[in-house]
N, C-alpha and C. Protein backbone atom coordinates (compact mmCIF):
# COMPACT_ATOMS: atom_id res chain seq x y z
N MET A 1 -131.64 -3.43 47.72
CA MET A 1 -132.93 -3.12 48.26
C MET A 1 -134.01 -3.62 47.29
N ALA A 2 -134.98 -4.35 47.78
CA ALA A 2 -136.04 -4.90 46.94
C ALA A 2 -137.11 -3.84 46.66
N GLU A 3 -137.72 -3.93 45.49
CA GLU A 3 -138.80 -3.03 45.12
C GLU A 3 -140.13 -3.74 45.23
N GLU A 4 -141.16 -3.00 45.63
CA GLU A 4 -142.52 -3.51 45.71
C GLU A 4 -143.42 -2.54 44.99
N THR A 5 -144.20 -3.01 44.03
CA THR A 5 -145.13 -2.14 43.32
C THR A 5 -146.36 -1.93 44.19
N LEU A 6 -146.61 -0.67 44.55
CA LEU A 6 -147.76 -0.33 45.40
C LEU A 6 -149.00 0.03 44.59
N PHE A 7 -148.79 0.45 43.35
CA PHE A 7 -149.91 0.88 42.51
C PHE A 7 -149.43 0.86 41.06
N ALA A 8 -150.27 0.43 40.15
CA ALA A 8 -149.94 0.44 38.72
C ALA A 8 -151.18 0.80 37.92
N PHE A 9 -150.99 1.61 36.90
CA PHE A 9 -152.09 2.04 36.04
C PHE A 9 -151.53 2.31 34.65
N GLU A 10 -152.24 1.86 33.63
CA GLU A 10 -151.85 2.13 32.25
C GLU A 10 -153.08 2.04 31.37
N ARG A 11 -153.29 3.07 30.54
CA ARG A 11 -154.34 3.03 29.53
C ARG A 11 -154.13 4.17 28.56
N ASP A 12 -154.73 4.09 27.40
CA ASP A 12 -154.68 5.17 26.42
C ASP A 12 -155.58 6.30 26.89
N MET A 13 -155.07 7.52 26.83
CA MET A 13 -155.81 8.71 27.22
C MET A 13 -155.50 9.81 26.21
N THR A 14 -156.37 10.81 26.13
CA THR A 14 -156.06 11.96 25.29
C THR A 14 -154.99 12.78 25.97
N THR A 15 -154.29 13.59 25.20
CA THR A 15 -153.27 14.45 25.80
C THR A 15 -153.90 15.41 26.79
N ALA A 16 -155.13 15.85 26.56
CA ALA A 16 -155.82 16.74 27.50
C ALA A 16 -156.09 16.02 28.83
N GLU A 17 -156.47 14.76 28.77
CA GLU A 17 -156.70 13.99 30.00
C GLU A 17 -155.40 13.80 30.79
N VAL A 18 -154.32 13.51 30.08
CA VAL A 18 -153.03 13.34 30.74
C VAL A 18 -152.60 14.66 31.39
N ALA A 19 -152.76 15.77 30.66
CA ALA A 19 -152.39 17.08 31.20
C ALA A 19 -153.19 17.41 32.46
N GLU A 20 -154.48 17.10 32.45
CA GLU A 20 -155.32 17.35 33.63
C GLU A 20 -154.84 16.52 34.83
N TYR A 21 -154.51 15.28 34.59
CA TYR A 21 -154.02 14.39 35.64
C TYR A 21 -152.71 14.91 36.22
N LEU A 22 -151.76 15.24 35.32
CA LEU A 22 -150.47 15.76 35.78
C LEU A 22 -150.62 17.09 36.50
N ARG A 23 -151.56 17.94 36.03
CA ARG A 23 -151.80 19.23 36.67
C ARG A 23 -152.29 19.04 38.10
N THR A 24 -153.17 18.06 38.30
CA THR A 24 -153.67 17.77 39.65
C THR A 24 -152.53 17.31 40.56
N VAL A 25 -151.68 16.43 40.06
CA VAL A 25 -150.53 15.98 40.85
C VAL A 25 -149.62 17.16 41.16
N ALA A 26 -149.35 18.01 40.16
CA ALA A 26 -148.49 19.17 40.36
C ALA A 26 -149.08 20.12 41.41
N ASP A 27 -150.38 20.34 41.36
CA ASP A 27 -151.03 21.21 42.34
C ASP A 27 -150.89 20.65 43.75
N ARG A 28 -151.05 19.35 43.90
CA ARG A 28 -150.91 18.72 45.22
C ARG A 28 -149.47 18.78 45.72
N LEU A 29 -148.52 18.58 44.82
CA LEU A 29 -147.11 18.68 45.21
C LEU A 29 -146.80 20.10 45.68
N GLU A 30 -147.28 21.08 44.93
CA GLU A 30 -147.00 22.48 45.27
C GLU A 30 -147.62 22.89 46.59
N SER A 31 -148.82 22.39 46.87
CA SER A 31 -149.52 22.77 48.10
C SER A 31 -149.05 21.96 49.31
N GLY A 32 -148.32 20.87 49.05
CA GLY A 32 -147.87 20.01 50.15
C GLY A 32 -148.94 19.07 50.66
N GLU A 33 -150.05 18.97 49.93
CA GLU A 33 -151.15 18.09 50.33
C GLU A 33 -150.84 16.64 49.96
N GLU A 34 -151.36 15.73 50.76
CA GLU A 34 -151.30 14.32 50.36
C GLU A 34 -152.30 14.12 49.24
N PHE A 35 -152.10 13.07 48.47
CA PHE A 35 -153.05 12.74 47.41
C PHE A 35 -153.13 11.23 47.26
N THR A 36 -154.26 10.78 46.74
CA THR A 36 -154.50 9.36 46.58
C THR A 36 -154.67 9.03 45.11
N LEU A 37 -153.95 8.01 44.66
CA LEU A 37 -154.10 7.48 43.32
C LEU A 37 -155.04 6.28 43.42
N GLU A 38 -156.07 6.26 42.58
CA GLU A 38 -157.05 5.17 42.62
C GLU A 38 -157.35 4.67 41.22
N SER A 39 -157.52 3.38 41.11
CA SER A 39 -157.97 2.74 39.88
C SER A 39 -158.62 1.42 40.27
N GLY A 40 -159.91 1.31 40.02
CA GLY A 40 -160.62 0.09 40.42
C GLY A 40 -160.53 -0.10 41.91
N SER A 41 -160.08 -1.27 42.34
CA SER A 41 -159.98 -1.55 43.77
C SER A 41 -158.61 -1.19 44.33
N GLU A 42 -157.69 -0.72 43.47
CA GLU A 42 -156.35 -0.35 43.92
C GLU A 42 -156.31 1.12 44.30
N SER A 43 -155.54 1.43 45.35
CA SER A 43 -155.30 2.83 45.70
C SER A 43 -154.04 2.93 46.56
N VAL A 44 -153.42 4.11 46.49
CA VAL A 44 -152.27 4.39 47.34
C VAL A 44 -152.31 5.88 47.66
N THR A 45 -152.10 6.22 48.93
CA THR A 45 -152.06 7.62 49.37
C THR A 45 -150.62 8.02 49.58
N LEU A 46 -150.25 9.15 49.01
CA LEU A 46 -148.87 9.63 49.05
C LEU A 46 -148.79 10.99 49.73
N THR A 47 -147.75 11.18 50.54
CA THR A 47 -147.47 12.46 51.18
C THR A 47 -146.00 12.78 50.95
N PRO A 48 -145.68 13.36 49.79
CA PRO A 48 -144.29 13.64 49.49
C PRO A 48 -143.72 14.73 50.41
N PRO A 49 -142.44 14.62 50.74
CA PRO A 49 -141.80 15.67 51.53
C PRO A 49 -141.59 16.91 50.66
N SER A 50 -141.11 17.99 51.24
CA SER A 50 -140.94 19.23 50.49
C SER A 50 -139.79 19.16 49.49
N ARG A 51 -138.84 18.25 49.65
CA ARG A 51 -137.75 18.06 48.69
C ARG A 51 -137.79 16.62 48.19
N ILE A 52 -137.84 16.48 46.87
CA ILE A 52 -137.88 15.15 46.26
C ILE A 52 -136.91 15.11 45.08
N GLU A 53 -136.53 13.91 44.70
CA GLU A 53 -135.69 13.73 43.51
C GLU A 53 -136.61 13.62 42.30
N PHE A 54 -136.28 14.35 41.23
CA PHE A 54 -137.09 14.38 40.02
C PHE A 54 -136.23 13.94 38.85
N GLU A 55 -136.70 12.95 38.10
CA GLU A 55 -135.96 12.42 36.96
C GLU A 55 -136.84 12.46 35.73
N VAL A 56 -136.27 12.90 34.61
CA VAL A 56 -136.96 12.89 33.33
C VAL A 56 -136.12 12.06 32.37
N GLU A 57 -136.76 11.15 31.67
CA GLU A 57 -136.05 10.28 30.74
C GLU A 57 -136.87 10.13 29.47
N VAL A 58 -136.21 10.25 28.32
CA VAL A 58 -136.86 10.05 27.03
C VAL A 58 -136.12 8.93 26.33
N GLU A 59 -136.88 7.93 25.88
CA GLU A 59 -136.28 6.79 25.18
C GLU A 59 -136.98 6.60 23.84
N ARG A 60 -136.24 6.09 22.87
CA ARG A 60 -136.82 5.72 21.58
C ARG A 60 -136.64 4.22 21.43
N GLU A 61 -137.73 3.54 21.16
CA GLU A 61 -137.69 2.11 20.92
C GLU A 61 -137.97 1.90 19.45
N THR A 62 -137.00 1.37 18.73
CA THR A 62 -137.19 1.15 17.30
C THR A 62 -137.64 -0.28 17.06
N SER A 63 -138.36 -0.47 15.98
CA SER A 63 -138.83 -1.81 15.64
C SER A 63 -137.68 -2.62 15.08
N ASP A 64 -137.82 -3.93 15.14
CA ASP A 64 -136.77 -4.84 14.63
C ASP A 64 -136.57 -4.68 13.13
N SER A 65 -137.61 -4.25 12.42
CA SER A 65 -137.51 -4.10 10.97
C SER A 65 -136.91 -2.75 10.57
N GLY A 66 -136.55 -1.93 11.56
CA GLY A 66 -135.92 -0.65 11.25
C GLY A 66 -136.90 0.46 10.96
N GLY A 67 -138.19 0.17 11.02
CA GLY A 67 -139.20 1.20 10.78
C GLY A 67 -139.34 2.13 11.97
N SER A 68 -140.37 2.94 11.92
CA SER A 68 -140.58 3.88 13.03
C SER A 68 -140.94 3.10 14.30
N GLY A 69 -140.60 3.69 15.43
CA GLY A 69 -140.82 3.02 16.70
C GLY A 69 -141.67 3.85 17.63
N GLU A 70 -141.41 3.72 18.91
CA GLU A 70 -142.16 4.44 19.94
C GLU A 70 -141.22 5.37 20.70
N ILE A 71 -141.78 6.50 21.11
CA ILE A 71 -141.08 7.41 22.01
C ILE A 71 -141.71 7.25 23.39
N GLU A 72 -140.88 7.15 24.40
CA GLU A 72 -141.37 7.01 25.77
C GLU A 72 -140.80 8.16 26.60
N LEU A 73 -141.69 8.90 27.26
CA LEU A 73 -141.31 10.00 28.15
C LEU A 73 -141.70 9.60 29.56
N GLU A 74 -140.72 9.54 30.45
CA GLU A 74 -140.97 9.13 31.83
C GLU A 74 -140.66 10.27 32.79
N PHE A 75 -141.56 10.51 33.72
CA PHE A 75 -141.32 11.41 34.83
C PHE A 75 -141.29 10.56 36.09
N GLU A 76 -140.23 10.68 36.86
CA GLU A 76 -140.11 9.86 38.07
C GLU A 76 -139.84 10.77 39.26
N LEU A 77 -140.57 10.55 40.34
CA LEU A 77 -140.38 11.28 41.58
C LEU A 77 -139.95 10.28 42.64
N GLU A 78 -138.90 10.60 43.37
CA GLU A 78 -138.42 9.71 44.43
C GLU A 78 -138.31 10.49 45.73
N TRP A 79 -138.67 9.83 46.82
CA TRP A 79 -138.55 10.40 48.14
C TRP A 79 -137.24 9.96 48.76
N ASP A 80 -136.16 10.61 48.37
CA ASP A 80 -134.85 10.25 48.90
C ASP A 80 -134.16 11.54 49.35
N GLU A 81 -134.19 11.81 50.61
CA GLU A 81 -133.65 13.07 51.14
C GLU A 81 -132.14 13.17 51.01
N ASN A 82 -131.45 12.07 50.83
CA ASN A 82 -129.99 12.09 50.77
C ASN A 82 -129.44 12.15 49.35
N ALA A 83 -130.31 12.24 48.36
CA ALA A 83 -129.85 12.24 46.97
C ALA A 83 -129.19 13.57 46.62
N ASP A 84 -128.16 13.49 45.79
CA ASP A 84 -127.48 14.69 45.31
C ASP A 84 -128.19 15.24 44.09
N SER A 85 -128.27 16.55 43.98
CA SER A 85 -128.82 17.20 42.80
C SER A 85 -127.76 17.21 41.71
N THR A 86 -128.16 17.00 40.44
CA THR A 86 -127.17 16.95 39.36
C THR A 86 -127.40 18.05 38.34
N GLY A 87 -128.06 19.13 38.70
CA GLY A 87 -128.23 20.24 37.77
C GLY A 87 -129.68 20.66 37.64
N ASP A 88 -129.89 21.69 36.84
CA ASP A 88 -131.22 22.24 36.66
C ASP A 88 -131.90 21.63 35.45
N LEU A 89 -133.21 21.72 35.43
CA LEU A 89 -134.02 21.23 34.32
C LEU A 89 -134.84 22.39 33.81
N THR A 90 -134.89 22.56 32.51
CA THR A 90 -135.74 23.59 31.92
C THR A 90 -136.65 22.94 30.89
N ILE A 91 -137.80 23.54 30.68
CA ILE A 91 -138.74 23.09 29.64
C ILE A 91 -138.97 24.26 28.71
N GLU A 92 -138.78 24.05 27.43
CA GLU A 92 -138.96 25.13 26.46
C GLU A 92 -140.19 24.90 25.64
């Protein structure tokens, strides 16, 4: 199955700005409301179903010289009603 990028956004933000953005998405998911992502002339409106697949991934990218690298935390939501659940997730 081919993938098509419908919307892309990347920029440096404060942790407070990121938290506010994620909080808004979480509120819309919880309420079942559609929401629109916008940046410049790009936008996409999403209406997630009541059950979605949720993936969390943490990666460490080290530099070639062996020094400190980058940590990447990804949250992914997929609209796949036939996906199997593989366990619970907790945040401490």
